């Protein structure tokens, strides 16, 4: 069983940001120096920050708590 605690949602967003950075800027780029790589990352971040999109939490608290209780029951039965 794989259980991701609800408190780790912010970490998922960080991982998603680095995935997007890797796919959109780094993966197919050609960098002749560390400075080139740094500049490319900085440009991506500036562009990303020019049009910020807020994260809107869509999970209902009761649904989360239900999943937590179900997971605890499963772990106690082991």
PDB file of N, CA and C in Angstrom:
ATOM      1  N   UNK A   1       0.845  -1.183   0.000  1.00  0.00           N
ATOM      2  CA  UNK A   1       0.000   0.000   0.000  1.00  0.00           C
ATOM      3  C   UNK A   1       0.887   1.241   0.000  1.00  0.00           C
ATOM      4  N   UNK A   2       0.507   2.209  -0.786  1.00  0.00           N
ATOM      5  CA  UNK A   2       1.241   3.468  -0.844  1.00  0.00           C
ATOM      6  C   UNK A   2       0.328   4.559  -0.306  1.00  0.00           C
ATOM      7  N   UNK A   3       0.790   5.255   0.715  1.00  0.00           N
ATOM      8  CA  UNK A   3      -0.022   6.314   1.327  1.00  0.00           C
ATOM      9  C   UNK A   3       0.794   7.591   1.366  1.00  0.00           C
ATOM     10  N   UNK A   4       0.274   8.620   0.765  1.00  0.00           N
ATOM     11  CA  UNK A   4       0.915   9.928   0.800  1.00  0.00           C
ATOM     12  C   UNK A   4       0.162  10.786   1.808  1.00  0.00           C
ATOM     13  N   UNK A   5       0.830  11.229   2.854  1.00  0.00           N
ATOM     14  CA  UNK A   5       0.150  12.071   3.845  1.00  0.00           C
ATOM     15  C   UNK A   5      -0.380  13.354   3.209  1.00  0.00           C
ATOM     16  N   UNK A   6      -1.505  13.808   3.703  1.00  0.00           N
ATOM     17  CA  UNK A   6      -2.111  15.008   3.137  1.00  0.00           C
ATOM     18  C   UNK A   6      -1.217  16.232   3.333  1.00  0.00           C
ATOM     19  N   UNK A   7      -0.338  16.200   4.301  1.00  0.00           N
ATOM     20  CA  UNK A   7       0.552  17.342   4.542  1.00  0.00           C
ATOM     21  C   UNK A   7       1.643  17.459   3.492  1.00  0.00           C
ATOM     22  N   UNK A   8       1.777  16.479   2.624  1.00  0.00           N
ATOM     23  CA  UNK A   8       2.839  16.538   1.622  1.00  0.00           C
ATOM     24  C   UNK A   8       2.386  17.197   0.323  1.00  0.00           C
ATOM     25  N   UNK A   9       1.203  17.770   0.282  1.00  0.00           N
ATOM     26  CA  UNK A   9       0.701  18.353  -0.962  1.00  0.00           C
ATOM     27  C   UNK A   9       1.589  19.481  -1.463  1.00  0.00           C
ATOM     28  N   UNK A  10       2.170  20.262  -0.570  1.00  0.00           N
ATOM     29  CA  UNK A  10       3.047  21.349  -1.000  1.00  0.00           C
ATOM     30  C   UNK A  10       4.296  20.794  -1.675  1.00  0.00           C
ATOM     31  N   UNK A  11       4.760  19.641  -1.195  1.00  0.00           N
ATOM     32  CA  UNK A  11       5.932  19.024  -1.797  1.00  0.00           C
ATOM     33  C   UNK A  11       5.626  18.560  -3.220  1.00  0.00           C
ATOM     34  N   UNK A  12       4.422  18.076  -3.438  1.00  0.00           N
ATOM     35  CA  UNK A  12       4.019  17.676  -4.783  1.00  0.00           C
ATOM     36  C   UNK A  12       4.077  18.859  -5.745  1.00  0.00           C
ATOM     37  N   UNK A  13       3.707  20.043  -5.269  1.00  0.00           N
ATOM     38  CA  UNK A  13       3.766  21.233  -6.117  1.00  0.00           C
ATOM     39  C   UNK A  13       5.203  21.603  -6.460  1.00  0.00           C
ATOM     40  N   UNK A  14       6.088  21.451  -5.485  1.00  0.00           N
ATOM     41  CA  UNK A  14       7.506  21.741  -5.734  1.00  0.00           C
ATOM     42  C   UNK A  14       8.056  20.763  -6.773  1.00  0.00           C
ATOM     43  N   UNK A  15       7.728  19.485  -6.606  1.00  0.00           N
ATOM     44  CA  UNK A  15       8.177  18.478  -7.567  1.00  0.00           C
ATOM     45  C   UNK A  15       7.624  18.767  -8.961  1.00  0.00           C
ATOM     46  N   UNK A  16       6.393  19.203  -9.024  1.00  0.00           N
ATOM     47  CA  UNK A  16       5.776  19.527 -10.310  1.00  0.00           C
ATOM     48  C   UNK A  16       6.470  20.709 -10.973  1.00  0.00           C
ATOM     49  N   UNK A  17       6.846  21.710 -10.181  1.00  0.00           N
ATOM     50  CA  UNK A  17       7.560  22.860 -10.727  1.00  0.00           C
ATOM     51  C   UNK A  17       8.893  22.419 -11.338  1.00  0.00           C
ATOM     52  N   UNK A  18       9.642  21.580 -10.624  1.00  0.00           N
ATOM     53  CA  UNK A  18      10.924  21.118 -11.144  1.00  0.00           C
ATOM     54  C   UNK A  18      10.747  20.217 -12.366  1.00  0.00           C
ATOM     55  N   UNK A  19       9.667  19.452 -12.402  1.00  0.00           N
ATOM     56  CA  UNK A  19       9.377  18.653 -13.597  1.00  0.00           C
ATOM     57  C   UNK A  19       9.160  19.554 -14.797  1.00  0.00           C
ATOM     58  N   UNK A  20       8.346  20.605 -14.615  1.00  0.00           N
ATOM     59  CA  UNK A  20       8.082  21.538 -15.711  1.00  0.00           C
ATOM     60  C   UNK A  20       9.358  22.255 -16.145  1.00  0.00           C
ATOM     61  N   UNK A  21      10.153  22.677 -15.191  1.00  0.00           N
ATOM     62  CA  UNK A  21      11.423  23.323 -15.507  1.00  0.00           C
ATOM     63  C   UNK A  21      12.313  22.392 -16.331  1.00  0.00           C
ATOM     64  N   UNK A  22      12.383  21.145 -15.911  1.00  0.00           N
ATOM     65  CA  UNK A  22      13.210  20.175 -16.623  1.00  0.00           C
ATOM     66  C   UNK A  22      12.704  19.943 -18.038  1.00  0.00           C
ATOM     67  N   UNK A  23      11.393  19.727 -18.176  1.00  0.00           N
ATOM     68  CA  UNK A  23      10.832  19.418 -19.491  1.00  0.00           C
ATOM     69  C   UNK A  23      10.845  20.606 -20.440  1.00  0.00           C
ATOM     70  N   UNK A  24      10.554  21.783 -19.928  1.00  0.00           N
ATOM     71  CA  UNK A  24      10.384  22.937 -20.800  1.00  0.00           C
ATOM     72  C   UNK A  24      11.663  23.721 -21.051  1.00  0.00           C
ATOM     73  N   UNK A  25      12.655  23.586 -20.188  1.00  0.00           N
ATOM     74  CA  UNK A  25      13.830  24.432 -20.343  1.00  0.00           C
ATOM     75  C   UNK A  25      15.149  23.650 -20.381  1.00  0.00           C
ATOM     76  N   UNK A  26      15.282  22.608 -19.587  1.00  0.00           N
ATOM     77  CA  UNK A  26      16.586  21.983 -19.424  1.00  0.00           C
ATOM     78  C   UNK A  26      16.802  20.764 -20.331  1.00  0.00           C
ATOM     79  N   UNK A  27      15.823  19.895 -20.437  1.00  0.00           N
ATOM     80  CA  UNK A  27      16.021  18.587 -21.079  1.00  0.00           C
ATOM     81  C   UNK A  27      16.654  18.658 -22.460  1.00  0.00           C
ATOM     82  N   UNK A  28      16.160  19.482 -23.330  1.00  0.00           N
ATOM     83  CA  UNK A  28      16.685  19.527 -24.699  1.00  0.00           C
ATOM     84  C   UNK A  28      17.570  20.738 -24.951  1.00  0.00           C
ATOM     85  N   UNK A  29      17.911  21.417 -23.891  1.00  0.00           N
ATOM     86  CA  UNK A  29      18.770  22.587 -24.049  1.00  0.00           C
ATOM     87  C   UNK A  29      20.229  22.193 -24.220  1.00  0.00           C
ATOM     88  N   UNK A  30      20.968  23.102 -24.791  1.00  0.00           N
ATOM     89  CA  UNK A  30      22.411  22.927 -24.933  1.00  0.00           C
ATOM     90  C   UNK A  30      23.063  24.060 -24.154  1.00  0.00           C
ATOM     91  N   UNK A  31      23.853  23.695 -23.177  1.00  0.00           N
ATOM     92  CA  UNK A  31      24.478  24.684 -22.304  1.00  0.00           C
ATOM     93  C   UNK A  31      25.992  24.500 -22.367  1.00  0.00           C
ATOM     94  N   UNK A  32      26.675  25.543 -22.754  1.00  0.00           N
ATOM     95  CA  UNK A  32      28.128  25.455 -22.912  1.00  0.00           C
ATOM     96  C   UNK A  32      28.866  25.786 -21.624  1.00  0.00           C
ATOM     97  N   UNK A  33      28.109  26.265 -20.640  1.00  0.00           N
ATOM     98  CA  UNK A  33      28.735  26.589 -19.358  1.00  0.00           C
ATOM     99  C   UNK A  33      27.670  26.575 -18.266  1.00  0.00           C
ATOM    100  N   UNK A  34      28.136  26.598 -17.045  1.00  0.00           N
ATOM    101  CA  UNK A  34      27.222  26.687 -15.894  1.00  0.00           C
ATOM    102  C   UNK A  34      26.446  27.997 -15.957  1.00  0.00           C
ATOM    103  N   UNK A  35      27.112  29.056 -16.396  1.00  0.00           N
ATOM    104  CA  UNK A  35      26.435  30.353 -16.503  1.00  0.00           C
ATOM    105  C   UNK A  35      25.284  30.300 -17.509  1.00  0.00           C
ATOM    106  N   UNK A  36      25.472  29.585 -18.618  1.00  0.00           N
ATOM    107  CA  UNK A  36      24.392  29.418 -19.602  1.00  0.00           C
ATOM    108  C   UNK A  36      23.196  28.700 -18.983  1.00  0.00           C
ATOM    109  N   UNK A  37      23.476  27.646 -18.243  1.00  0.00           N
ATOM    110  CA  UNK A  37      22.412  26.893 -17.570  1.00  0.00           C
ATOM    111  C   UNK A  37      21.705  27.777 -16.550  1.00  0.00           C
ATOM    112  N   UNK A  38      22.484  28.495 -15.763  1.00  0.00           N
ATOM    113  CA  UNK A  38      21.914  29.384 -14.745  1.00  0.00           C
ATOM    114  C   UNK A  38      21.032  30.447 -15.387  1.00  0.00           C
ATOM    115  N   UNK A  39      21.490  31.025 -16.475  1.00  0.00           N
ATOM    116  CA  UNK A  39      20.704  32.052 -17.168  1.00  0.00           C
ATOM    117  C   UNK A  39      19.403  31.475 -17.713  1.00  0.00           C
ATOM    118  N   UNK A  40      19.461  30.272 -18.247  1.00  0.00           N
ATOM    119  CA  UNK A  40      18.270  29.626 -18.785  1.00  0.00           C
ATOM    120  C   UNK A  40      17.241  29.371 -17.682  1.00  0.00           C
ATOM    121  N   UNK A  41      17.707  28.904 -16.549  1.00  0.00           N
ATOM    122  CA  UNK A  41      16.805  28.657 -15.414  1.00  0.00           C
ATOM    123  C   UNK A  41      16.217  29.974 -14.917  1.00  0.00           C
ATOM    124  N   UNK A  42      17.043  30.982 -14.797  1.00  0.00           N
ATOM    125  CA  UNK A  42      16.563  32.292 -14.328  1.00  0.00           C
ATOM    126  C   UNK A  42      15.511  32.876 -15.271  1.00  0.00           C
ATOM    127  N   UNK A  43      15.741  32.727 -16.565  1.00  0.00           N
ATOM    128  CA  UNK A  43      14.778  33.226 -17.554  1.00  0.00           C
ATOM    129  C   UNK A  43      13.451  32.489 -17.424  1.00  0.00           C
ATOM    130  N   UNK A  44      13.519  31.167 -17.237  1.00  0.00           N
ATOM    131  CA  UNK A  44      12.297  30.388 -17.071  1.00  0.00           C
ATOM    132  C   UNK A  44      11.530  30.851 -15.829  1.00  0.00           C
ATOM    133  N   UNK A  45      12.228  31.048 -14.730  1.00  0.00           N
ATOM    134  CA  UNK A  45      11.576  31.465 -13.485  1.00  0.00           C
ATOM    135  C   UNK A  45      10.945  32.850 -13.648  1.00  0.00           C
ATOM    136  N   UNK A  46      11.661  33.771 -14.294  1.00  0.00           N
ATOM    137  CA  UNK A  46      11.102  35.108 -14.530  1.00  0.00           C
ATOM    138  C   UNK A  46       9.820  35.022 -15.365  1.00  0.00           C
ATOM    139  N   UNK A  47       9.864  34.230 -16.422  1.00  0.00           N
ATOM    140  CA  UNK A  47       8.687  34.052 -17.275  1.00  0.00           C
ATOM    141  C   UNK A  47       7.540  33.407 -16.484  1.00  0.00           C
ATOM    142  N   UNK A  48       7.867  32.409 -15.712  1.00  0.00           N
ATOM    143  CA  UNK A  48       6.860  31.710 -14.888  1.00  0.00           C
ATOM    144  C   UNK A  48       6.225  32.669 -13.889  1.00  0.00           C
ATOM    145  N   UNK A  49       7.030  33.544 -13.291  1.00  0.00           N
ATOM    146  CA  UNK A  49       6.522  34.470 -12.272  1.00  0.00           C
ATOM    147  C   UNK A  49       5.747  35.638 -12.866  1.00  0.00           C
ATOM    148  N   UNK A  50       5.908  35.899 -14.166  1.00  0.00           N
ATOM    149  CA  UNK A  50       5.157  36.986 -14.794  1.00  0.00           C
ATOM    150  C   UNK A  50       3.669  36.666 -14.905  1.00  0.00           C
ATOM    151  N   UNK A  51       3.337  35.393 -14.975  1.00  0.00           N
ATOM    152  CA  UNK A  51       1.940  34.976 -15.060  1.00  0.00           C
ATOM    153  C   UNK A  51       1.646  33.913 -13.999  1.00  0.00           C
ATOM    154  N   UNK A  52       1.693  34.309 -12.735  1.00  0.00           N
ATOM    155  CA  UNK A  52       1.480  33.317 -11.673  1.00  0.00           C
ATOM    156  C   UNK A  52       0.042  32.809 -11.662  1.00  0.00           C
ATOM    157  N   UNK A  53      -0.104  31.551 -11.312  1.00  0.00           N
ATOM    158  CA  UNK A  53      -1.428  30.946 -11.202  1.00  0.00           C
ATOM    159  C   UNK A  53      -1.556  30.363  -9.807  1.00  0.00           C
ATOM    160  N   UNK A  54      -2.535  30.809  -9.055  1.00  0.00           N
ATOM    161  CA  UNK A  54      -2.670  30.306  -7.688  1.00  0.00           C
ATOM    162  C   UNK A  54      -3.090  28.839  -7.681  1.00  0.00           C
ATOM    163  N   UNK A  55      -2.637  28.136  -6.668  1.00  0.00           N
ATOM    164  CA  UNK A  55      -3.068  26.762  -6.475  1.00  0.00           C
ATOM    165  C   UNK A  55      -4.405  26.797  -5.750  1.00  0.00           C
ATOM    166  N   UNK A  56      -5.382  26.121  -6.300  1.00  0.00           N
ATOM    167  CA  UNK A  56      -6.707  26.061  -5.682  1.00  0.00           C
ATOM    168  C   UNK A  56      -6.929  24.646  -5.181  1.00  0.00           C
ATOM    169  N   UNK A  57      -7.040  24.523  -3.878  1.00  0.00           N
ATOM    170  CA  UNK A  57      -7.227  23.221  -3.254  1.00  0.00           C
ATOM    171  C   UNK A  57      -8.646  22.744  -3.521  1.00  0.00           C
ATOM    172  N   UNK A  58      -8.800  21.555  -4.093  1.00  0.00           N
ATOM    173  CA  UNK A  58     -10.130  21.075  -4.451  1.00  0.00           C
ATOM    174  C   UNK A  58     -10.602  19.913  -3.587  1.00  0.00           C
ATOM    175  N   UNK A  59      -9.721  19.350  -2.787  1.00  0.00           N
ATOM    176  CA  UNK A  59     -10.120  18.228  -1.945  1.00  0.00           C
ATOM    177  C   UNK A  59     -10.968  18.726  -0.773  1.00  0.00           C
ATOM    178  N   UNK A  60     -12.005  17.997  -0.484  1.00  0.00           N
ATOM    179  CA  UNK A  60     -12.850  18.345   0.659  1.00  0.00           C
ATOM    180  C   UNK A  60     -12.240  17.736   1.907  1.00  0.00           C
ATOM    181  N   UNK A  61     -12.307  18.473   3.007  1.00  0.00           N
ATOM    182  CA  UNK A  61     -11.701  18.019   4.261  1.00  0.00           C
ATOM    183  C   UNK A  61     -12.270  16.670   4.688  1.00  0.00           C
ATOM    184  N   UNK A  62     -13.563  16.477   4.534  1.00  0.00           N
ATOM    185  CA  UNK A  62     -14.172  15.218   4.955  1.00  0.00           C
ATOM    186  C   UNK A  62     -13.652  14.044   4.132  1.00  0.00           C
ATOM    187  N   UNK A  63     -13.431  14.251   2.845  1.00  0.00           N
ATOM    188  CA  UNK A  63     -12.869  13.189   1.999  1.00  0.00           C
ATOM    189  C   UNK A  63     -11.460  12.805   2.445  1.00  0.00           C
ATOM    190  N   UNK A  64     -10.669  13.802   2.797  1.00  0.00           N
ATOM    191  CA  UNK A  64      -9.311  13.538   3.269  1.00  0.00           C
ATOM    192  C   UNK A  64      -9.336  12.757   4.569  1.00  0.00           C
ATOM    193  N   UNK A  65     -10.178  13.196   5.498  1.00  0.00           N
ATOM    194  CA  UNK A  65     -10.259  12.515   6.789  1.00  0.00           C
ATOM    195  C   UNK A  65     -10.763  11.088   6.633  1.00  0.00           C
ATOM    196  N   UNK A  66     -11.681  10.862   5.728  1.00  0.00           N
ATOM    197  CA  UNK A  66     -12.180   9.510   5.464  1.00  0.00           C
ATOM    198  C   UNK A  66     -11.057   8.611   4.964  1.00  0.00           C
ATOM    199  N   UNK A  67     -10.237   9.131   4.067  1.00  0.00           N
ATOM    200  CA  UNK A  67      -9.104   8.357   3.555  1.00  0.00           C
ATOM    201  C   UNK A  67      -8.083   8.063   4.651  1.00  0.00           C
ATOM    202  N   UNK A  68      -7.845   9.026   5.510  1.00  0.00           N
ATOM    203  CA  UNK A  68      -6.908   8.822   6.616  1.00  0.00           C
ATOM    204  C   UNK A  68      -7.416   7.720   7.541  1.00  0.00           C
ATOM    205  N   UNK A  69      -8.692   7.765   7.886  1.00  0.00           N
ATOM    206  CA  UNK A  69      -9.251   6.729   8.761  1.00  0.00           C
ATOM    207  C   UNK A  69      -9.202   5.351   8.107  1.00  0.00           C
ATOM    208  N   UNK A  70      -9.506   5.281   6.812  1.00  0.00           N
ATOM    209  CA  UNK A  70      -9.445   4.021   6.091  1.00  0.00           C
ATOM    210  C   UNK A  70      -8.006   3.470   6.076  1.00  0.00           C
ATOM    211  N   UNK A  71      -7.048   4.338   5.881  1.00  0.00           N
ATOM    212  CA  UNK A  71      -5.646   3.911   5.865  1.00  0.00           C
ATOM    213  C   UNK A  71      -5.206   3.436   7.248  1.00  0.00           C
ATOM    214  N   UNK A  72      -5.637   4.132   8.285  1.00  0.00           N
ATOM    215  CA  UNK A  72      -5.282   3.704   9.654  1.00  0.00           C
ATOM    216  C   UNK A  72      -5.854   2.333   9.977  1.00  0.00           C
ATOM    217  N   UNK A  73      -7.103   2.114   9.558  1.00  0.00           N
ATOM    218  CA  UNK A  73      -7.722   0.790   9.782  1.00  0.00           C
ATOM    219  C   UNK A  73      -6.946  -0.300   9.060  1.00  0.00           C
ATOM    220  N   UNK A  74      -6.558  -0.022   7.829  1.00  0.00           N
ATOM    221  CA  UNK A  74      -5.799  -1.007   7.050  1.00  0.00           C
ATOM    222  C   UNK A  74      -4.455  -1.296   7.699  1.00  0.00           C
ATOM    223  N   UNK A  75      -3.812  -0.288   8.224  1.00  0.00           N
ATOM    224  CA  UNK A  75      -2.506  -0.481   8.847  1.00  0.00           C
ATOM    225  C   UNK A  75      -2.621  -1.204  10.177  1.00  0.00           C
ATOM    226  N   UNK A  76      -3.704  -0.981  10.911  1.00  0.00           N
ATOM    227  CA  UNK A  76      -3.900  -1.647  12.199  1.00  0.00           C
ATOM    228  C   UNK A  76      -4.195  -3.129  12.023  1.00  0.00           C
ATOM    229  N   UNK A  77      -4.792  -3.506  10.932  1.00  0.00           N
ATOM    230  CA  UNK A  77      -5.141  -4.913  10.689  1.00  0.00           C
ATOM    231  C   UNK A  77      -3.939  -5.744  10.261  1.00  0.00           C
ATOM    232  N   UNK A  78      -2.861  -5.107   9.903  1.00  0.00           N
ATOM    233  CA  UNK A  78      -1.686  -5.844   9.405  1.00  0.00           C
ATOM    234  C   UNK A  78      -1.019  -6.644  10.498  1.00  0.00           C
TER     235      UNK A  78
END
